Amino acid sequence: AAAEDDAHGAAGSSDAKAEDTGADAQNTA
């Protein structure tokens, strides 16, 4: 697949996105 910005930090980015998504969900709720 296409190269990612930071292969080793991909998981961290995913976690950050998950946190943002969770915060958005809480705000929406």
PDB file of all heavy atoms in Angstrom:
ATOM      1  N   ALA A   1       0.845  -1.199   0.000  1.00  0.00           N
ATOM      2  CA  ALA A   1       0.000   0.000   0.000  1.00  0.00           C
ATOM      3  C   ALA A   1       0.882   1.251   0.000  1.00  0.00           C
ATOM      4  O   ALA A   1       2.097   1.179   0.199  1.00  0.00           O
ATOM      5  CB  ALA A   1      -0.914   0.000   1.224  1.00  0.00           C
ATOM      6  N   ALA A   2       0.265   2.406  -0.233  1.00  0.00           N
ATOM      7  CA  ALA A   2       0.994   3.667  -0.247  1.00  0.00           C
ATOM      8  C   ALA A   2       1.645   3.908   1.106  1.00  0.00           C
ATOM      9  O   ALA A   2       1.136   3.508   2.153  1.00  0.00           O
ATOM     10  CB  ALA A   2       0.045   4.816  -0.589  1.00  0.00           C
ATOM     11  N   ALA A   3       2.796   4.576   1.074  1.00  0.00           N
ATOM     12  CA  ALA A   3       3.541   4.838   2.302  1.00  0.00           C
ATOM     13  C   ALA A   3       2.761   5.746   3.235  1.00  0.00           C
ATOM     14  O   ALA A   3       2.066   6.665   2.802  1.00  0.00           O
ATOM     15  CB  ALA A   3       4.891   5.467   1.959  1.00  0.00           C
ATOM     16  N   GLU A   4       2.882   5.486   4.536  1.00  0.00           N
ATOM     17  CA  GLU A   4       2.248   6.331   5.536  1.00  0.00           C
ATOM     18  C   GLU A   4       3.252   7.397   5.982  1.00  0.00           C
ATOM     19  O   GLU A   4       4.455   7.242   5.812  1.00  0.00           O
ATOM     20  CB  GLU A   4       1.798   5.488   6.733  1.00  0.00           C
ATOM     21  CG  GLU A   4       0.752   4.444   6.362  1.00  0.00           C
ATOM     22  CD  GLU A   4       0.347   3.581   7.549  1.00  0.00           C
ATOM     23  OE1 GLU A   4       0.977   3.752   8.621  1.00  0.00           O
ATOM     24  OE2 GLU A   4      -0.561   2.763   7.412  1.00  0.00           O
ATOM     25  N   ASP A   5       2.734   8.485   6.580  1.00  0.00           N
ATOM     26  CA  ASP A   5       3.611   9.572   7.022  1.00  0.00           C
ATOM     27  C   ASP A   5       4.624   9.089   8.040  1.00  0.00           C
ATOM     28  O   ASP A   5       5.790   9.450   8.019  1.00  0.00           O
ATOM     29  CB  ASP A   5       2.781  10.709   7.631  1.00  0.00           C
ATOM     30  CG  ASP A   5       1.936  11.391   6.574  1.00  0.00           C
ATOM     31  OD1 ASP A   5       2.299  11.295   5.385  1.00  0.00           O
ATOM     32  OD2 ASP A   5       0.909  12.005   6.929  1.00  0.00           O
ATOM     33  N   ASP A   6       4.154   8.269   8.966  1.00  0.00           N
ATOM     34  CA  ASP A   6       5.031   7.736  10.010  1.00  0.00           C
ATOM     35  C   ASP A   6       4.602   6.314  10.305  1.00  0.00           C
ATOM     36  O   ASP A   6       3.647   6.082  11.019  1.00  0.00           O
ATOM     37  CB  ASP A   6       4.935   8.590  11.278  1.00  0.00           C
ATOM     38  CG  ASP A   6       5.897   8.108  12.363  1.00  0.00           C
ATOM     39  OD1 ASP A   6       6.652   7.161  12.089  1.00  0.00           O
ATOM     40  OD2 ASP A   6       5.885   8.688  13.463  1.00  0.00           O
ATOM     41  N   ALA A   7       5.333   5.351   9.697  1.00  0.00           N
ATOM     42  CA  ALA A   7       4.933   3.948   9.822  1.00  0.00           C
ATOM     43  C   ALA A   7       4.915   3.488  11.270  1.00  0.00           C
ATOM     44  O   ALA A   7       4.043   2.755  11.697  1.00  0.00           O
ATOM     45  CB  ALA A   7       5.892   3.058   9.017  1.00  0.00           C
ATOM     46  N   HIS A   8       5.946   3.943  12.072  1.00  0.00           N
ATOM     47  CA  HIS A   8       6.005   3.500  13.459  1.00  0.00           C
ATOM     48  C   HIS A   8       4.982   4.226  14.313  1.00  0.00           C
ATOM     49  O   HIS A   8       4.556   3.727  15.334  1.00  0.00           O
ATOM     50  CB  HIS A   8       7.407   3.742  14.024  1.00  0.00           C
ATOM     51  CG  HIS A   8       8.450   2.894  13.367  1.00  0.00           C
ATOM     52  ND1 HIS A   8       8.572   1.551  13.625  1.00  0.00           N
ATOM     53  CD2 HIS A   8       9.408   3.189  12.450  1.00  0.00           C
ATOM     54  CE1 HIS A   8       9.571   1.052  12.907  1.00  0.00           C
ATOM     55  NE2 HIS A   8      10.084   2.016  12.182  1.00  0.00           N
ATOM     56  N   GLY A   9       4.586   5.447  13.906  1.00  0.00           N
ATOM     57  CA  GLY A   9       3.637   6.216  14.697  1.00  0.00           C
ATOM     58  C   GLY A   9       2.219   6.060  14.232  1.00  0.00           C
ATOM     59  O   GLY A   9       1.333   6.792  14.666  1.00  0.00           O
ATOM     60  N   ALA A  10       1.990   5.111  13.329  1.00  0.00           N
ATOM     61  CA  ALA A  10       0.645   4.931  12.785  1.00  0.00           C
ATOM     62  C   ALA A  10      -0.350   4.573  13.873  1.00  0.00           C
ATOM     63  O   ALA A  10      -1.457   5.072  13.913  1.00  0.00           O
ATOM     64  CB  ALA A  10       0.657   3.846  11.705  1.00  0.00           C
ATOM     65  N   ALA A  11       0.090   3.703  14.793  1.00  0.00           N
ATOM     66  CA  ALA A  11      -0.818   3.286  15.858  1.00  0.00           C
ATOM     67  C   ALA A  11      -1.165   4.465  16.746  1.00  0.00           C
ATOM     68  O   ALA A  11      -2.302   4.647  17.160  1.00  0.00           O
ATOM     69  CB  ALA A  11      -0.177   2.171  16.691  1.00  0.00           C
ATOM     70  N   GLY A  12      -0.146   5.315  17.055  1.00  0.00           N
ATOM     71  CA  GLY A  12      -0.394   6.479  17.874  1.00  0.00           C
ATOM     72  C   GLY A  12      -1.372   7.416  17.221  1.00  0.00           C
ATOM     73  O   GLY A  12      -2.260   7.972  17.871  1.00  0.00           O
ATOM     74  N   SER A  13      -1.224   7.595  15.901  1.00  0.00           N
ATOM     75  CA  SER A  13      -2.145   8.465  15.180  1.00  0.00           C
ATOM     76  C   SER A  13      -3.550   7.917  15.253  1.00  0.00           C
ATOM     77  O   SER A  13      -4.515   8.654  15.419  1.00  0.00           O
ATOM     78  CB  SER A  13      -1.700   8.572  13.710  1.00  0.00           C
ATOM     79  OG  SER A  13      -0.407   9.132  13.645  1.00  0.00           O
ATOM     80  N   SER A  14      -3.650   6.592  15.133  1.00  0.00           N
ATOM     81  CA  SER A  14      -4.971   5.973  15.198  1.00  0.00           C
ATOM     82  C   SER A  14      -5.594   6.193  16.567  1.00  0.00           C
ATOM     83  O   SER A  14      -6.777   6.466  16.690  1.00  0.00           O
ATOM     84  CB  SER A  14      -4.861   4.466  14.922  1.00  0.00           C
ATOM     85  OG  SER A  14      -4.357   4.256  13.622  1.00  0.00           O
ATOM     86  N   ASP A  15      -4.744   6.081  17.631  1.00  0.00           N
ATOM     87  CA  ASP A  15      -5.258   6.291  18.972  1.00  0.00           C
ATOM     88  C   ASP A  15      -5.739   7.722  19.151  1.00  0.00           C
ATOM     89  O   ASP A  15      -6.773   7.974  19.762  1.00  0.00           O
ATOM     90  CB  ASP A  15      -4.174   5.991  20.022  1.00  0.00           C
ATOM     91  CG  ASP A  15      -3.818   4.515  20.047  1.00  0.00           C
ATOM     92  OD1 ASP A  15      -4.641   3.724  19.550  1.00  0.00           O
ATOM     93  OD2 ASP A  15      -2.741   4.164  20.552  1.00  0.00           O
ATOM     94  N   ALA A  16      -4.949   8.680  18.600  1.00  0.00           N
ATOM     95  CA  ALA A  16      -5.337  10.085  18.721  1.00  0.00           C
ATOM     96  C   ALA A  16      -6.654  10.333  18.012  1.00  0.00           C
ATOM     97  O   ALA A  16      -7.538  11.025  18.504  1.00  0.00           O
ATOM     98  CB  ALA A  16      -4.239  10.976  18.126  1.00  0.00           C
ATOM     99  N   LYS A  17      -6.784   9.728  16.816  1.00  0.00           N
ATOM    100  CA  LYS A  17      -8.033   9.881  16.071  1.00  0.00           C
ATOM    101  C   LYS A  17      -9.194   9.274  16.853  1.00  0.00           C
ATOM    102  O   LYS A  17     -10.292   9.804  16.870  1.00  0.00           O
ATOM    103  CB  LYS A  17      -7.911   9.203  14.693  1.00  0.00           C
ATOM    104  CG  LYS A  17      -6.994   9.945  13.742  1.00  0.00           C
ATOM    105  CD  LYS A  17      -6.922   9.230  12.407  1.00  0.00           C
ATOM    106  CE  LYS A  17      -6.006   9.971  11.439  1.00  0.00           C
ATOM    107  NZ  LYS A  17      -5.896   9.254  10.145  1.00  0.00           N
ATOM    108  N   ALA A  18      -8.910   8.133  17.491  1.00  0.00           N
ATOM    109  CA  ALA A  18      -9.965   7.475  18.264  1.00  0.00           C
ATOM    110  C   ALA A  18     -10.397   8.370  19.420  1.00  0.00           C
ATOM    111  O   ALA A  18     -11.588   8.487  19.724  1.00  0.00           O
ATOM    112  CB  ALA A  18      -9.466   6.124  18.800  1.00  0.00           C
ATOM    113  N   GLU A  19      -9.386   9.029  20.088  1.00  0.00           N
ATOM    114  CA  GLU A  19      -9.724   9.916  21.189  1.00  0.00           C
ATOM    115  C   GLU A  19     -10.552  11.093  20.704  1.00  0.00           C
ATOM    116  O   GLU A  19     -11.526  11.507  21.330  1.00  0.00           O
ATOM    117  CB  GLU A  19      -8.447  10.419  21.860  1.00  0.00           C
ATOM    118  CG  GLU A  19      -7.713   9.315  22.627  1.00  0.00           C
ATOM    119  CD  GLU A  19      -6.418   9.819  23.221  1.00  0.00           C
ATOM    120  OE1 GLU A  19      -6.145  11.031  23.074  1.00  0.00           O
ATOM    121  OE2 GLU A  19      -5.694   9.024  23.838  1.00  0.00           O
ATOM    122  N   ASP A  20     -10.124  11.688  19.561  1.00  0.00           N
ATOM    123  CA  ASP A  20     -10.878  12.808  18.999  1.00  0.00           C
ATOM    124  C   ASP A  20     -12.296  12.388  18.671  1.00  0.00           C
ATOM    125  O   ASP A  20     -13.255  13.106  18.936  1.00  0.00           O
ATOM    126  CB  ASP A  20     -10.186  13.338  17.729  1.00  0.00           C
ATOM    127  CG  ASP A  20      -8.853  14.003  18.067  1.00  0.00           C
ATOM    128  OD1 ASP A  20      -8.660  14.352  19.254  1.00  0.00           O
ATOM    129  OD2 ASP A  20      -8.021  14.167  17.159  1.00  0.00           O
ATOM    130  N   THR A  21     -12.396  11.178  18.079  1.00  0.00           N
ATOM    131  CA  THR A  21     -13.724  10.674  17.726  1.00  0.00           C
ATOM    132  C   THR A  21     -14.574  10.487  18.970  1.00  0.00           C
ATOM    133  O   THR A  21     -15.759  10.812  19.005  1.00  0.00           O
ATOM    134  CB  THR A  21     -13.597   9.329  16.982  1.00  0.00           C
ATOM    135  OG1 THR A  21     -12.793   9.533  15.829  1.00  0.00           O
ATOM    136  CG2 THR A  21     -14.961   8.812  16.560  1.00  0.00           C
ATOM    137  N   GLY A  22     -13.931   9.963  20.051  1.00  0.00           N
ATOM    138  CA  GLY A  22     -14.665   9.772  21.296  1.00  0.00           C
ATOM    139  C   GLY A  22     -15.129  11.096  21.876  1.00  0.00           C
ATOM    140  O   GLY A  22     -16.253  11.226  22.351  1.00  0.00           O
ATOM    141  N   ALA A  23     -14.236  12.131  21.828  1.00  0.00           N
ATOM    142  CA  ALA A  23     -14.609  13.445  22.348  1.00  0.00           C
ATOM    143  C   ALA A  23     -15.758  14.028  21.543  1.00  0.00           C
ATOM    144  O   ALA A  23     -16.713  14.585  22.092  1.00  0.00           O
ATOM    145  CB  ALA A  23     -13.401  14.380  22.304  1.00  0.00           C
ATOM    146  N   ASP A  24     -15.660  13.889  20.212  1.00  0.00           N
ATOM    147  CA  ASP A  24     -16.741  14.394  19.356  1.00  0.00           C
ATOM    148  C   ASP A  24     -18.052  13.691  19.682  1.00  0.00           C
ATOM    149  O   ASP A  24     -19.118  14.302  19.714  1.00  0.00           O
ATOM    150  CB  ASP A  24     -16.391  14.175  17.873  1.00  0.00           C
ATOM    151  CG  ASP A  24     -15.243  15.077  17.446  1.00  0.00           C
ATOM    152  OD1 ASP A  24     -14.985  16.066  18.167  1.00  0.00           O
ATOM    153  OD2 ASP A  24     -14.627  14.785  16.410  1.00  0.00           O
ATOM    154  N   ALA A  25     -17.945  12.392  19.928  1.00  0.00           N
ATOM    155  CA  ALA A  25     -19.155  11.616  20.232  1.00  0.00           C
ATOM    156  C   ALA A  25     -19.773  12.097  21.538  1.00  0.00           C
ATOM    157  O   ALA A  25     -20.987  12.222  21.662  1.00  0.00           O
ATOM    158  CB  ALA A  25     -18.816  10.121  20.330  1.00  0.00           C
ATOM    159  N   GLN A  26     -18.892  12.387  22.538  1.00  0.00           N
ATOM    160  CA  GLN A  26     -19.405  12.861  23.814  1.00  0.00           C
ATOM    161  C   GLN A  26     -20.075  14.221  23.665  1.00  0.00           C
ATOM    162  O   GLN A  26     -21.135  14.477  24.224  1.00  0.00           O
ATOM    163  CB  GLN A  26     -18.268  12.956  24.830  1.00  0.00           C
ATOM    164  CG  GLN A  26     -17.739  11.592  25.270  1.00  0.00           C
ATOM    165  CD  GLN A  26     -16.594  11.717  26.243  1.00  0.00           C
ATOM    166  OE1 GLN A  26     -16.122  12.813  26.505  1.00  0.00           O
ATOM    167  NE2 GLN A  26     -16.152  10.597  26.769  1.00  0.00           N
ATOM    168  N   ASN A  27     -19.406  15.116  22.881  1.00  0.00           N
ATOM    169  CA  ASN A  27     -19.986  16.439  22.658  1.00  0.00           C
ATOM    170  C   ASN A  27     -21.333  16.332  21.951  1.00  0.00           C
ATOM    171  O   ASN A  27     -22.288  17.024  22.277  1.00  0.00           O
ATOM    172  CB  ASN A  27     -19.032  17.307  21.830  1.00  0.00           C
ATOM    173  CG  ASN A  27     -17.780  17.667  22.612  1.00  0.00           C
ATOM    174  OD1 ASN A  27     -17.797  17.680  23.838  1.00  0.00           O
ATOM    175  ND2 ASN A  27     -16.685  17.933  21.912  1.00  0.00           N
ATOM    176  N   THR A  28     -21.368  15.434  20.960  1.00  0.00           N
ATOM    177  CA  THR A  28     -22.615  15.235  20.222  1.00  0.00           C
ATOM    178  C   THR A  28     -23.705  14.714  21.140  1.00  0.00           C
ATOM    179  O   THR A  28     -24.857  15.138  21.089  1.00  0.00           O
ATOM    180  CB  THR A  28     -22.398  14.236  19.071  1.00  0.00           C
ATOM    181  OG1 THR A  28     -21.393  14.758  18.219  1.00  0.00           O
ATOM    182  CG2 THR A  28     -23.679  14.044  18.274  1.00  0.00           C
ATOM    183  N   ALA A  29     -23.304  13.779  22.020  1.00  0.00           N
ATOM    184  CA  ALA A  29     -24.280  13.225  22.965  1.00  0.00           C
ATOM    185  C   ALA A  29     -24.782  14.306  23.908  1.00  0.00           C
ATOM    186  O   ALA A  29     -25.966  14.372  24.231  1.00  0.00           O
ATOM    187  CB  ALA A  29     -23.635  12.084  23.765  1.00  0.00           C
TER     188      ALA A  29
END
